[in-house]
Amino acid sequence: MAVSTLHLRFKIDQTKTPAATDANTFSKTRPHNKMISAKRAFRSLAFSISVPLILSLAIICLFGSGKKYRALPKPFWFPPLWFIHLASLGSSFLMSLAAWLVWADGGLNLYSDSLPLYIAQVSLSFVWDPLVLVIGAAWLGLVSCVVHFGTLVACYKSFKKVNPFAKDLVKPCLAWMGFLTMVNYKLVFL
């Protein structure tokens, strides 16, 4: 009886051996899988940053001449037009990077308000240039800035739940939008 039990254990041990070799084979392919994952992550990062930047650049090229803005008498602390465009591109870059970080941590799926807030923020950032610089509608631009600032605050709170670095990337965007709101408020009364 002991011999048959030993014989049975020997067969069970032999069946475990191929599984162990499968585990070794799996660990050998693991770096390859990590490389594929890294390539996918890089592609998604490049896509999520390049699309808002390209759209921002297109808006600046199409509507960014700002002839009315240049013609206005402005206080010394008003930013030049090139700085407004550069800061808008920088804000677009930082927000898209923050949104990607939240997406990579699964936050756009976990918190249902993160994605709509980000889309609203991006949309509002595209509206300001044509409204204020081309049309000259400072009142509508001021309303847009206030709503945009509120959307950024909501993004900040939503991103803070998921990724602390993403919330820190929103802070310079908040500062820029606060300054742009003050500039737009002053434009209303010029």
N, C-alpha and C. Protein backbone atom coordinates (compact mmCIF):
# COMPACT_ATOMS: atom_id res chain seq x y z
N MET A 1 0.81 -1.18 0.00
CA MET A 1 0.00 0.00 0.00
C MET A 1 0.86 1.26 0.00
N ALA A 2 1.94 1.23 0.75
CA ALA A 2 2.82 2.39 0.79
C ALA A 2 3.50 2.60 -0.55
N VAL A 3 3.78 1.53 -1.25
CA VAL A 3 4.43 1.64 -2.55
C VAL A 3 3.47 2.27 -3.55
N SER A 4 2.22 1.90 -3.52
CA SER A 4 1.26 2.49 -4.46
C SER A 4 1.03 3.96 -4.16
N THR A 5 1.06 4.35 -2.90
CA THR A 5 0.93 5.76 -2.55
C THR A 5 2.14 6.54 -3.04
N LEU A 6 3.32 5.96 -2.88
CA LEU A 6 4.53 6.60 -3.36
C LEU A 6 4.51 6.71 -4.88
N HIS A 7 4.03 5.66 -5.53
CA HIS A 7 3.93 5.67 -6.99
C HIS A 7 2.96 6.78 -7.44
N LEU A 8 1.85 6.95 -6.73
CA LEU A 8 0.87 7.99 -7.05
C LEU A 8 1.46 9.38 -6.84
N ARG A 9 2.21 9.57 -5.75
CA ARG A 9 2.86 10.86 -5.51
C ARG A 9 3.88 11.17 -6.60
N PHE A 10 4.61 10.18 -7.06
CA PHE A 10 5.58 10.38 -8.11
C PHE A 10 4.91 10.85 -9.38
N LYS A 11 3.74 10.31 -9.72
CA LYS A 11 3.00 10.74 -10.92
C LYS A 11 2.51 12.17 -10.76
N ILE A 12 2.04 12.53 -9.56
CA ILE A 12 1.57 13.89 -9.33
C ILE A 12 2.74 14.86 -9.45
N ASP A 13 3.90 14.52 -8.90
CA ASP A 13 5.07 15.39 -9.00
C ASP A 13 5.52 15.55 -10.45
N GLN A 14 5.38 14.50 -11.26
CA GLN A 14 5.75 14.61 -12.66
C GLN A 14 4.80 15.54 -13.41
N THR A 15 3.54 15.57 -13.03
CA THR A 15 2.61 16.47 -13.70
C THR A 15 2.84 17.91 -13.29
N LYS A 16 3.42 18.15 -12.13
CA LYS A 16 3.72 19.52 -11.71
C LYS A 16 4.95 20.07 -12.42
N THR A 17 5.83 19.23 -12.84
CA THR A 17 7.07 19.69 -13.47
C THR A 17 6.83 20.49 -14.75
N PRO A 18 5.95 20.05 -15.67
CA PRO A 18 5.71 20.88 -16.85
C PRO A 18 5.09 22.23 -16.51
N ALA A 19 4.27 22.26 -15.47
CA ALA A 19 3.69 23.54 -15.08
C ALA A 19 4.78 24.48 -14.60
N ALA A 20 5.76 23.93 -13.91
CA ALA A 20 6.86 24.77 -13.45
C ALA A 20 7.65 25.30 -14.63
N THR A 21 7.83 24.48 -15.65
CA THR A 21 8.54 24.97 -16.83
C THR A 21 7.70 26.01 -17.56
N ASP A 22 6.37 25.88 -17.53
CA ASP A 22 5.52 26.90 -18.14
C ASP A 22 5.68 28.23 -17.41
N ALA A 23 5.80 28.17 -16.09
CA ALA A 23 6.01 29.40 -15.32
C ALA A 23 7.33 30.04 -15.68
N ASN A 24 8.36 29.21 -15.89
CA ASN A 24 9.65 29.76 -16.30
C ASN A 24 9.56 30.37 -17.69
N THR A 25 8.83 29.73 -18.58
CA THR A 25 8.64 30.27 -19.92
C THR A 25 7.89 31.59 -19.85
N PHE A 26 6.89 31.66 -18.95
CA PHE A 26 6.13 32.89 -18.80
C PHE A 26 7.02 34.03 -18.29
N SER A 27 7.90 33.72 -17.35
CA SER A 27 8.77 34.77 -16.82
C SER A 27 9.78 35.22 -17.87
N LYS A 28 10.12 34.34 -18.80
CA LYS A 28 11.04 34.75 -19.87
C LYS A 28 10.35 35.68 -20.86
N THR A 29 9.04 35.54 -21.05
CA THR A 29 8.33 36.41 -21.98
C THR A 29 7.84 37.68 -21.29
N ARG A 30 7.97 37.75 -20.00
CA ARG A 30 7.48 38.90 -19.26
C ARG A 30 8.11 40.22 -19.70
N PRO A 31 9.44 40.32 -19.86
CA PRO A 31 10.00 41.58 -20.34
C PRO A 31 9.43 42.00 -21.69
N HIS A 32 9.15 41.03 -22.54
CA HIS A 32 8.54 41.35 -23.83
C HIS A 32 7.15 41.96 -23.62
N ASN A 33 6.38 41.40 -22.70
CA ASN A 33 5.04 41.95 -22.41
C ASN A 33 5.15 43.34 -21.79
N LYS A 34 6.16 43.57 -20.96
CA LYS A 34 6.35 44.90 -20.37
C LYS A 34 6.70 45.91 -21.46
N MET A 35 7.48 45.49 -22.43
CA MET A 35 7.86 46.38 -23.52
C MET A 35 6.63 46.75 -24.35
N ILE A 36 5.78 45.79 -24.60
CA ILE A 36 4.55 46.07 -25.34
C ILE A 36 3.66 47.03 -24.55
N SER A 37 3.54 46.81 -23.25
CA SER A 37 2.75 47.70 -22.40
C SER A 37 3.33 49.11 -22.38
N ALA A 38 4.64 49.20 -22.32
CA ALA A 38 5.29 50.52 -22.32
C ALA A 38 5.05 51.24 -23.64
N LYS A 39 5.10 50.53 -24.74
CA LYS A 39 4.84 51.15 -26.05
C LYS A 39 3.41 51.65 -26.14
N ARG A 40 2.47 50.85 -25.63
CA ARG A 40 1.07 51.28 -25.64
C ARG A 40 0.87 52.51 -24.77
N ALA A 41 1.51 52.51 -23.60
CA ALA A 41 1.38 53.66 -22.71
C ALA A 41 1.96 54.91 -23.35
N PHE A 42 3.10 54.77 -24.02
CA PHE A 42 3.71 55.92 -24.68
C PHE A 42 2.82 56.43 -25.81
N ARG A 43 2.24 55.52 -26.57
CA ARG A 43 1.34 55.93 -27.66
C ARG A 43 0.13 56.66 -27.11
N SER A 44 -0.45 56.16 -26.03
CA SER A 44 -1.63 56.82 -25.46
C SER A 44 -1.25 58.18 -24.89
N LEU A 45 -0.06 58.29 -24.29
CA LEU A 45 0.41 59.58 -23.77
C LEU A 45 0.62 60.57 -24.91
N ALA A 46 1.26 60.12 -25.96
CA ALA A 46 1.50 61.00 -27.11
C ALA A 46 0.18 61.47 -27.73
N PHE A 47 -0.76 60.57 -27.85
CA PHE A 47 -2.06 60.92 -28.42
C PHE A 47 -2.81 61.90 -27.53
N SER A 48 -2.83 61.63 -26.23
CA SER A 48 -3.62 62.47 -25.33
C SER A 48 -3.02 63.86 -25.16
N ILE A 49 -1.73 64.00 -25.40
CA ILE A 49 -1.12 65.33 -25.31
C ILE A 49 -1.17 66.03 -26.67
N SER A 50 -0.94 65.31 -27.74
CA SER A 50 -0.84 65.96 -29.04
C SER A 50 -2.18 66.47 -29.55
N VAL A 51 -3.27 65.77 -29.30
CA VAL A 51 -4.56 66.22 -29.82
C VAL A 51 -4.97 67.58 -29.25
N PRO A 52 -4.97 67.79 -27.92
CA PRO A 52 -5.31 69.13 -27.43
C PRO A 52 -4.31 70.20 -27.86
N LEU A 53 -3.02 69.85 -27.94
CA LEU A 53 -2.04 70.84 -28.39
C LEU A 53 -2.24 71.23 -29.84
N ILE A 54 -2.53 70.26 -30.69
CA ILE A 54 -2.77 70.57 -32.11
C ILE A 54 -4.03 71.41 -32.27
N LEU A 55 -5.09 71.07 -31.53
CA LEU A 55 -6.31 71.87 -31.60
C LEU A 55 -6.08 73.28 -31.07
N SER A 56 -5.34 73.42 -29.99
CA SER A 56 -5.02 74.76 -29.47
C SER A 56 -4.21 75.57 -30.47
N LEU A 57 -3.24 74.92 -31.08
CA LEU A 57 -2.43 75.60 -32.08
C LEU A 57 -3.26 76.00 -33.29
N ALA A 58 -4.19 75.15 -33.69
CA ALA A 58 -5.08 75.48 -34.81
C ALA A 58 -5.96 76.69 -34.48
N ILE A 59 -6.49 76.73 -33.27
CA ILE A 59 -7.32 77.87 -32.85
C ILE A 59 -6.48 79.14 -32.84
N ILE A 60 -5.26 79.04 -32.35
CA ILE A 60 -4.38 80.22 -32.31
C ILE A 60 -4.06 80.68 -33.73
N CYS A 61 -3.76 79.76 -34.63
CA CYS A 61 -3.44 80.14 -36.01
C CYS A 61 -4.64 80.72 -36.74
N LEU A 62 -5.83 80.16 -36.48
CA LEU A 62 -7.02 80.64 -37.18
C LEU A 62 -7.55 81.96 -36.60
N PHE A 63 -7.55 82.09 -35.28
CA PHE A 63 -8.21 83.24 -34.65
C PHE A 63 -7.28 84.08 -33.80
N GLY A 64 -6.01 83.84 -33.82
CA GLY A 64 -5.12 84.48 -32.87
C GLY A 64 -4.48 85.77 -33.29
N SER A 65 -4.95 86.41 -34.33
CA SER A 65 -4.29 87.64 -34.77
C SER A 65 -4.48 88.75 -33.74
N GLY A 66 -5.66 88.84 -33.14
CA GLY A 66 -5.89 89.78 -32.06
C GLY A 66 -5.71 91.23 -32.44
N LYS A 67 -6.18 91.62 -33.63
CA LYS A 67 -6.04 93.02 -34.05
C LYS A 67 -6.77 93.97 -33.11
N LYS A 68 -7.94 93.55 -32.64
CA LYS A 68 -8.68 94.38 -31.69
C LYS A 68 -7.96 94.47 -30.35
N TYR A 69 -7.36 93.36 -29.93
CA TYR A 69 -6.62 93.36 -28.66
C TYR A 69 -5.40 94.26 -28.73
N ARG A 70 -4.70 94.22 -29.84
CA ARG A 70 -3.51 95.05 -30.00
C ARG A 70 -3.86 96.53 -30.08
N ALA A 71 -5.02 96.84 -30.64
CA ALA A 71 -5.40 98.25 -30.82
C ALA A 71 -5.88 98.89 -29.52
N LEU A 72 -6.26 98.11 -28.54
CA LEU A 72 -6.76 98.66 -27.28
C LEU A 72 -5.64 99.30 -26.46
N PRO A 73 -5.97 100.44 -25.80
CA PRO A 73 -4.99 100.97 -24.84
C PRO A 73 -5.02 100.08 -23.59
N LYS A 74 -3.87 99.56 -23.23
CA LYS A 74 -3.82 98.59 -22.14
C LYS A 74 -2.87 99.06 -21.06
N PRO A 75 -3.14 98.64 -19.80
CA PRO A 75 -2.18 98.92 -18.73
C PRO A 75 -0.87 98.15 -18.96
N PHE A 76 0.15 98.53 -18.24
CA PHE A 76 1.47 97.92 -18.43
C PHE A 76 1.50 96.43 -18.07
N TRP A 77 0.62 96.00 -17.19
CA TRP A 77 0.67 94.61 -16.71
C TRP A 77 -0.08 93.64 -17.61
N PHE A 78 -0.69 94.14 -18.68
CA PHE A 78 -1.36 93.25 -19.63
C PHE A 78 -0.31 92.44 -20.39
N PRO A 79 -0.55 91.16 -20.55
CA PRO A 79 0.43 90.34 -21.26
C PRO A 79 0.37 90.60 -22.77
N PRO A 80 1.52 90.49 -23.43
CA PRO A 80 1.48 90.59 -24.90
C PRO A 80 0.77 89.38 -25.49
N LEU A 81 0.37 89.52 -26.71
CA LEU A 81 -0.41 88.47 -27.38
C LEU A 81 0.37 87.15 -27.49
N TRP A 82 1.65 87.22 -27.77
CA TRP A 82 2.45 86.00 -27.87
C TRP A 82 2.49 85.24 -26.55
N PHE A 83 2.50 85.99 -25.42
CA PHE A 83 2.52 85.35 -24.11
C PHE A 83 1.19 84.66 -23.81
N ILE A 84 0.10 85.29 -24.21
CA ILE A 84 -1.22 84.67 -24.03
C ILE A 84 -1.29 83.35 -24.78
N HIS A 85 -0.80 83.34 -26.02
CA HIS A 85 -0.83 82.12 -26.81
C HIS A 85 0.10 81.04 -26.22
N LEU A 86 1.27 81.45 -25.81
CA LEU A 86 2.22 80.50 -25.23
C LEU A 86 1.68 79.92 -23.92
N ALA A 87 1.09 80.75 -23.09
CA ALA A 87 0.52 80.27 -21.83
C ALA A 87 -0.69 79.37 -22.08
N SER A 88 -1.46 79.65 -23.10
CA SER A 88 -2.58 78.79 -23.45
C SER A 88 -2.10 77.41 -23.90
N LEU A 89 -1.04 77.38 -24.69
CA LEU A 89 -0.46 76.10 -25.10
C LEU A 89 0.11 75.34 -23.91
N GLY A 90 0.77 76.06 -23.01
CA GLY A 90 1.31 75.42 -21.82
C GLY A 90 0.22 74.87 -20.92
N SER A 91 -0.86 75.61 -20.78
CA SER A 91 -1.99 75.15 -19.98
C SER A 91 -2.64 73.92 -20.61
N SER A 92 -2.74 73.93 -21.92
CA SER A 92 -3.30 72.78 -22.63
C SER A 92 -2.42 71.55 -22.44
N PHE A 93 -1.11 71.74 -22.49
CA PHE A 93 -0.19 70.63 -22.28
C PHE A 93 -0.31 70.06 -20.86
N LEU A 94 -0.30 70.94 -19.87
CA LEU A 94 -0.37 70.48 -18.48
C LEU A 94 -1.69 69.77 -18.18
N MET A 95 -2.79 70.30 -18.68
CA MET A 95 -4.08 69.66 -18.42
C MET A 95 -4.20 68.32 -19.13
N SER A 96 -3.67 68.22 -20.33
CA SER A 96 -3.74 66.93 -21.03
C SER A 96 -2.85 65.90 -20.35
N LEU A 97 -1.70 66.32 -19.83
CA LEU A 97 -0.84 65.41 -19.09
C LEU A 97 -1.51 64.96 -17.79
N ALA A 98 -2.15 65.90 -17.10
CA ALA A 98 -2.86 65.56 -15.87
C ALA A 98 -4.01 64.60 -16.15
N ALA A 99 -4.74 64.84 -17.22
CA ALA A 99 -5.85 63.95 -17.57
C ALA A 99 -5.33 62.56 -17.95
N TRP A 100 -4.18 62.50 -18.61
CA TRP A 100 -3.62 61.19 -18.95
C TRP A 100 -3.21 60.45 -17.69
N LEU A 101 -2.61 61.16 -16.73
CA LEU A 101 -2.24 60.52 -15.47
C LEU A 101 -3.46 59.96 -14.74
N VAL A 102 -4.53 60.72 -14.76
CA VAL A 102 -5.77 60.25 -14.13
C VAL A 102 -6.31 59.05 -14.89
N TRP A 103 -6.26 59.10 -16.20
CA TRP A 103 -6.74 57.98 -17.01
C TRP A 103 -5.88 56.74 -16.76
N ALA A 104 -4.56 56.92 -16.67
CA ALA A 104 -3.66 55.78 -16.46
C ALA A 104 -3.91 55.12 -15.10
N ASP A 105 -4.34 55.90 -14.13
CA ASP A 105 -4.67 55.34 -12.82
C ASP A 105 -6.10 54.84 -12.74
N GLY A 106 -6.82 54.90 -13.84
CA GLY A 106 -8.20 54.41 -13.87
C GLY A 106 -9.23 55.39 -13.37
N GLY A 107 -8.83 56.63 -13.16
CA GLY A 107 -9.73 57.62 -12.58
C GLY A 107 -10.83 58.11 -13.49
N LEU A 108 -10.61 58.06 -14.79
CA LEU A 108 -11.67 58.51 -15.69
C LEU A 108 -12.82 57.50 -15.71
N ASN A 109 -12.53 56.27 -15.35
CA ASN A 109 -13.58 55.26 -15.26
C ASN A 109 -14.20 55.22 -13.87
N LEU A 110 -13.38 55.42 -12.84
CA LEU A 110 -13.88 55.33 -11.47
C LEU A 110 -14.75 56.52 -11.08
N TYR A 111 -14.31 57.69 -11.44
CA TYR A 111 -15.04 58.91 -11.11
C TYR A 111 -15.70 59.44 -12.37
N SER A 112 -16.98 59.33 -12.42
CA SER A 112 -17.71 59.61 -13.66
C SER A 112 -17.66 61.08 -14.06
N ASP A 113 -17.30 61.97 -13.14
CA ASP A 113 -17.29 63.38 -13.50
C ASP A 113 -15.94 63.85 -14.05
N SER A 114 -14.91 63.04 -13.98
CA SER A 114 -13.58 63.48 -14.42
C SER A 114 -13.51 63.74 -15.92
N LEU A 115 -14.01 62.81 -16.72
CA LEU A 115 -13.93 62.96 -18.17
C LEU A 115 -14.79 64.13 -18.68
N PRO A 116 -16.06 64.25 -18.26
CA PRO A 116 -16.83 65.42 -18.73
C PRO A 116 -16.24 66.75 -18.28
N LEU A 117 -15.66 66.80 -17.09
CA LEU A 117 -15.03 68.04 -16.64
C LEU A 117 -13.81 68.38 -17.49
N TYR A 118 -13.03 67.37 -17.81
CA TYR A 118 -11.86 67.63 -18.66
C TYR A 118 -12.27 68.09 -20.05
N ILE A 119 -13.28 67.44 -20.61
CA ILE A 119 -13.75 67.83 -21.95
C ILE A 119 -14.32 69.25 -21.93
N ALA A 120 -15.05 69.59 -20.87
CA ALA A 120 -15.58 70.96 -20.73
C ALA A 120 -14.44 71.97 -20.62
N GLN A 121 -13.43 71.62 -19.86
CA GLN A 121 -12.30 72.52 -19.69
C GLN A 121 -11.58 72.75 -21.01
N VAL A 122 -11.36 71.69 -21.77
CA VAL A 122 -10.68 71.82 -23.06
C VAL A 122 -11.54 72.66 -24.01
N SER A 123 -12.82 72.42 -24.03
CA SER A 123 -13.72 73.18 -24.90
C SER A 123 -13.73 74.66 -24.55
N LEU A 124 -13.76 74.96 -23.26
CA LEU A 124 -13.75 76.36 -22.85
C LEU A 124 -12.42 77.04 -23.16
N SER A 125 -11.35 76.30 -23.14
CA SER A 125 -10.06 76.91 -23.48
C SER A 125 -9.99 77.27 -24.96
N PHE A 126 -10.73 76.56 -25.79
CA PHE A 126 -10.75 76.87 -27.23
C PHE A 126 -11.64 78.07 -27.55
N VAL A 127 -12.56 78.39 -26.68
CA VAL A 127 -13.55 79.43 -26.97
C VAL A 127 -13.02 80.83 -26.72
N TRP A 128 -12.12 80.99 -25.78
CA TRP A 128 -11.73 82.33 -25.35
C TRP A 128 -11.06 83.13 -26.45
N ASP A 129 -10.12 82.55 -27.17
CA ASP A 129 -9.39 83.28 -28.22
C ASP A 129 -10.33 83.92 -29.25
N PRO A 130 -11.21 83.15 -29.88
CA PRO A 130 -12.09 83.79 -30.86
C PRO A 130 -13.04 84.82 -30.24
N LEU A 131 -13.53 84.53 -29.05
CA LEU A 131 -14.48 85.45 -28.42
C LEU A 131 -13.85 86.81 -28.13
N VAL A 132 -12.71 86.82 -27.50
CA VAL A 132 -12.13 88.07 -27.03
C VAL A 132 -11.20 88.70 -28.06
N LEU A 133 -10.33 87.91 -28.64
CA LEU A 133 -9.31 88.48 -29.51
C LEU A 133 -9.81 88.82 -30.91
N VAL A 134 -10.77 88.08 -31.43
CA VAL A 134 -11.25 88.33 -32.79
C VAL A 134 -12.55 89.12 -32.77
N ILE A 135 -13.54 88.59 -32.06
CA ILE A 135 -14.85 89.24 -32.04
C ILE A 135 -14.83 90.49 -31.16
N GLY A 136 -14.08 90.43 -30.07
CA GLY A 136 -14.02 91.55 -29.15
C GLY A 136 -15.14 91.54 -28.13
N ALA A 137 -15.76 90.40 -27.92
CA ALA A 137 -16.86 90.27 -26.96
C ALA A 137 -16.27 90.01 -25.57
N ALA A 138 -15.87 91.09 -24.89
CA ALA A 138 -15.20 90.96 -23.60
C ALA A 138 -16.14 90.42 -22.53
N TRP A 139 -17.42 90.80 -22.58
CA TRP A 139 -18.37 90.29 -21.58
C TRP A 139 -18.53 88.78 -21.70
N LEU A 140 -18.70 88.29 -22.92
CA LEU A 140 -18.80 86.85 -23.10
C LEU A 140 -17.50 86.14 -22.74
N GLY A 141 -16.39 86.80 -23.03
CA GLY A 141 -15.10 86.26 -22.65
C GLY A 141 -14.95 86.17 -21.15
N LEU A 142 -15.47 87.17 -20.43
CA LEU A 142 -15.41 87.15 -18.97
C LEU A 142 -16.26 86.01 -18.41
N VAL A 143 -17.44 85.82 -18.97
CA VAL A 143 -18.29 84.70 -18.53
C VAL A 143 -17.59 83.38 -18.82
N SER A 144 -16.97 83.29 -19.98
CA SER A 144 -16.24 82.08 -20.35
C SER A 144 -15.08 81.83 -19.38
N CYS A 145 -14.37 82.88 -19.01
CA CYS A 145 -13.24 82.74 -18.08
C CYS A 145 -13.71 82.28 -16.70
N VAL A 146 -14.79 82.83 -16.22
CA VAL A 146 -15.30 82.45 -14.89
C VAL A 146 -15.74 80.99 -14.90
N VAL A 147 -16.47 80.59 -15.94
CA VAL A 147 -16.91 79.20 -16.04
C VAL A 147 -15.70 78.27 -16.21
N HIS A 148 -14.73 78.71 -17.00
CA HIS A 148 -13.51 77.93 -17.21
C HIS A 148 -12.75 77.75 -15.88
N PHE A 149 -12.66 78.82 -15.10
CA PHE A 149 -12.00 78.72 -13.81
C PHE A 149 -12.74 77.75 -12.89
N GLY A 150 -14.07 77.82 -12.88
CA GLY A 150 -14.85 76.88 -12.08
C GLY A 150 -14.67 75.44 -12.53
N THR A 151 -14.57 75.24 -13.83
CA THR A 151 -14.33 73.89 -14.36
C THR A 151 -12.95 73.39 -13.96
N LEU A 152 -11.98 74.28 -13.97
CA LEU A 152 -10.63 73.88 -13.54
C LEU A 152 -10.60 73.51 -12.05
N VAL A 153 -11.33 74.26 -11.23
CA VAL A 153 -11.41 73.92 -9.81
C VAL A 153 -12.06 72.55 -9.63
N ALA A 154 -13.11 72.28 -10.39
CA ALA A 154 -13.76 70.97 -10.32
C ALA A 154 -12.82 69.86 -10.81
N CYS A 155 -12.05 70.12 -11.86
CA CYS A 155 -11.05 69.15 -12.33
C CYS A 155 -10.01 68.91 -11.26
N TYR A 156 -9.58 69.97 -10.61
CA TYR A 156 -8.60 69.85 -9.54
C TYR A 156 -9.11 68.92 -8.43
N LYS A 157 -10.34 69.14 -8.01
CA LYS A 157 -10.91 68.30 -6.95
C LYS A 157 -11.10 66.86 -7.41
N SER A 158 -11.51 66.68 -8.65
CA SER A 158 -11.72 65.33 -9.18
C SER A 158 -10.40 64.59 -9.38
N PHE A 159 -9.39 65.29 -9.90
CA PHE A 159 -8.10 64.67 -10.14
C PHE A 159 -7.39 64.36 -8.82
N LYS A 160 -7.65 65.19 -7.81
CA LYS A 160 -7.01 64.99 -6.50
C LYS A 160 -7.39 63.65 -5.88
N LYS A 161 -8.58 63.16 -6.19
CA LYS A 161 -9.03 61.87 -5.66
C LYS A 161 -8.24 60.71 -6.24
N VAL A 162 -7.69 60.91 -7.44
CA VAL A 162 -7.05 59.80 -8.16
C VAL A 162 -5.53 59.87 -8.09
N ASN A 163 -4.95 61.02 -8.45
CA ASN A 163 -3.51 61.12 -8.59
C ASN A 163 -3.03 62.45 -8.02
N PRO A 164 -2.20 62.45 -6.98
CA PRO A 164 -1.76 63.71 -6.39
C PRO A 164 -0.87 64.54 -7.32
N PHE A 165 -0.13 63.89 -8.19
CA PHE A 165 0.69 64.65 -9.13
C PHE A 165 -0.18 65.34 -10.18
N ALA A 166 -1.25 64.70 -10.58
CA ALA A 166 -2.16 65.29 -11.58
C ALA A 166 -2.80 66.56 -11.03
N LYS A 167 -3.18 66.53 -9.77
CA LYS A 167 -3.78 67.73 -9.17
C LYS A 167 -2.76 68.87 -9.11
N ASP A 168 -1.48 68.53 -8.91
CA ASP A 168 -0.45 69.57 -8.89
C ASP A 168 -0.22 70.18 -10.27
N LEU A 169 -0.46 69.40 -11.32
CA LEU A 169 -0.33 69.94 -12.67
C LEU A 169 -1.45 70.92 -13.01
N VAL A 170 -2.57 70.82 -12.31
CA VAL A 170 -3.70 71.72 -12.56
C VAL A 170 -3.46 73.09 -11.92
N LYS A 171 -2.64 73.17 -10.90
CA LYS A 171 -2.42 74.43 -10.18
C LYS A 171 -1.90 75.56 -11.07
N PRO A 172 -0.88 75.34 -11.93
CA PRO A 172 -0.46 76.45 -12.81
C PRO A 172 -1.57 76.86 -13.78
N CYS A 173 -2.39 75.91 -14.19
CA CYS A 173 -3.51 76.24 -15.09
C CYS A 173 -4.52 77.12 -14.35
N LEU A 174 -4.75 76.83 -13.08
CA LEU A 174 -5.64 77.66 -12.27
C LEU A 174 -5.08 79.08 -12.12
N ALA A 175 -3.78 79.17 -11.88
CA ALA A 175 -3.15 80.49 -11.75
C ALA A 175 -3.26 81.27 -13.06
N TRP A 176 -3.02 80.62 -14.18
CA TRP A 176 -3.11 81.29 -15.47
C TRP A 176 -4.54 81.75 -15.74
N MET A 177 -5.51 80.89 -15.45
CA MET A 177 -6.90 81.26 -15.72
C MET A 177 -7.35 82.38 -14.78
N GLY A 178 -6.87 82.38 -13.55
CA GLY A 178 -7.18 83.50 -12.65
C GLY A 178 -6.64 84.81 -13.18
N PHE A 179 -5.40 84.80 -13.67
CA PHE A 179 -4.80 86.00 -14.24
C PHE A 179 -5.54 86.42 -15.51
N LEU A 180 -5.87 85.46 -16.35
CA LEU A 180 -6.59 85.78 -17.59
C LEU A 180 -7.99 86.33 -17.29
N THR A 181 -8.60 85.86 -16.23
CA THR A 181 -9.90 86.39 -15.83
C THR A 181 -9.77 87.85 -15.40
N MET A 182 -8.70 88.18 -14.67
CA MET A 182 -8.48 89.58 -14.28
C MET A 182 -8.23 90.45 -15.51
N VAL A 183 -7.45 89.94 -16.45
CA VAL A 183 -7.20 90.69 -17.69
C VAL A 183 -8.50 90.92 -18.44
N ASN A 184 -9.31 89.88 -18.53
CA ASN A 184 -10.57 90.01 -19.24
C ASN A 184 -11.52 90.95 -18.53
N TYR A 185 -11.53 90.93 -17.21
CA TYR A 185 -12.36 91.86 -16.44
C TYR A 185 -11.95 93.30 -16.74
N LYS A 186 -10.67 93.53 -16.81
CA LYS A 186 -10.18 94.88 -17.13
C LYS A 186 -10.54 95.25 -18.57
N LEU A 187 -10.54 94.27 -19.48
CA LEU A 187 -10.91 94.55 -20.87
C LEU A 187 -12.37 95.00 -20.99
N VAL A 188 -13.23 94.52 -20.11
CA VAL A 188 -14.63 94.89 -20.15
C VAL A 188 -14.80 96.39 -19.93
N PHE A 189 -13.96 96.96 -19.08
CA PHE A 189 -14.10 98.36 -18.72
C PHE A 189 -13.13 99.29 -19.43
N LEU A 190 -12.46 98.81 -20.47
CA LEU A 190 -11.59 99.69 -21.25
C LEU A 190 -12.37 100.43 -22.30
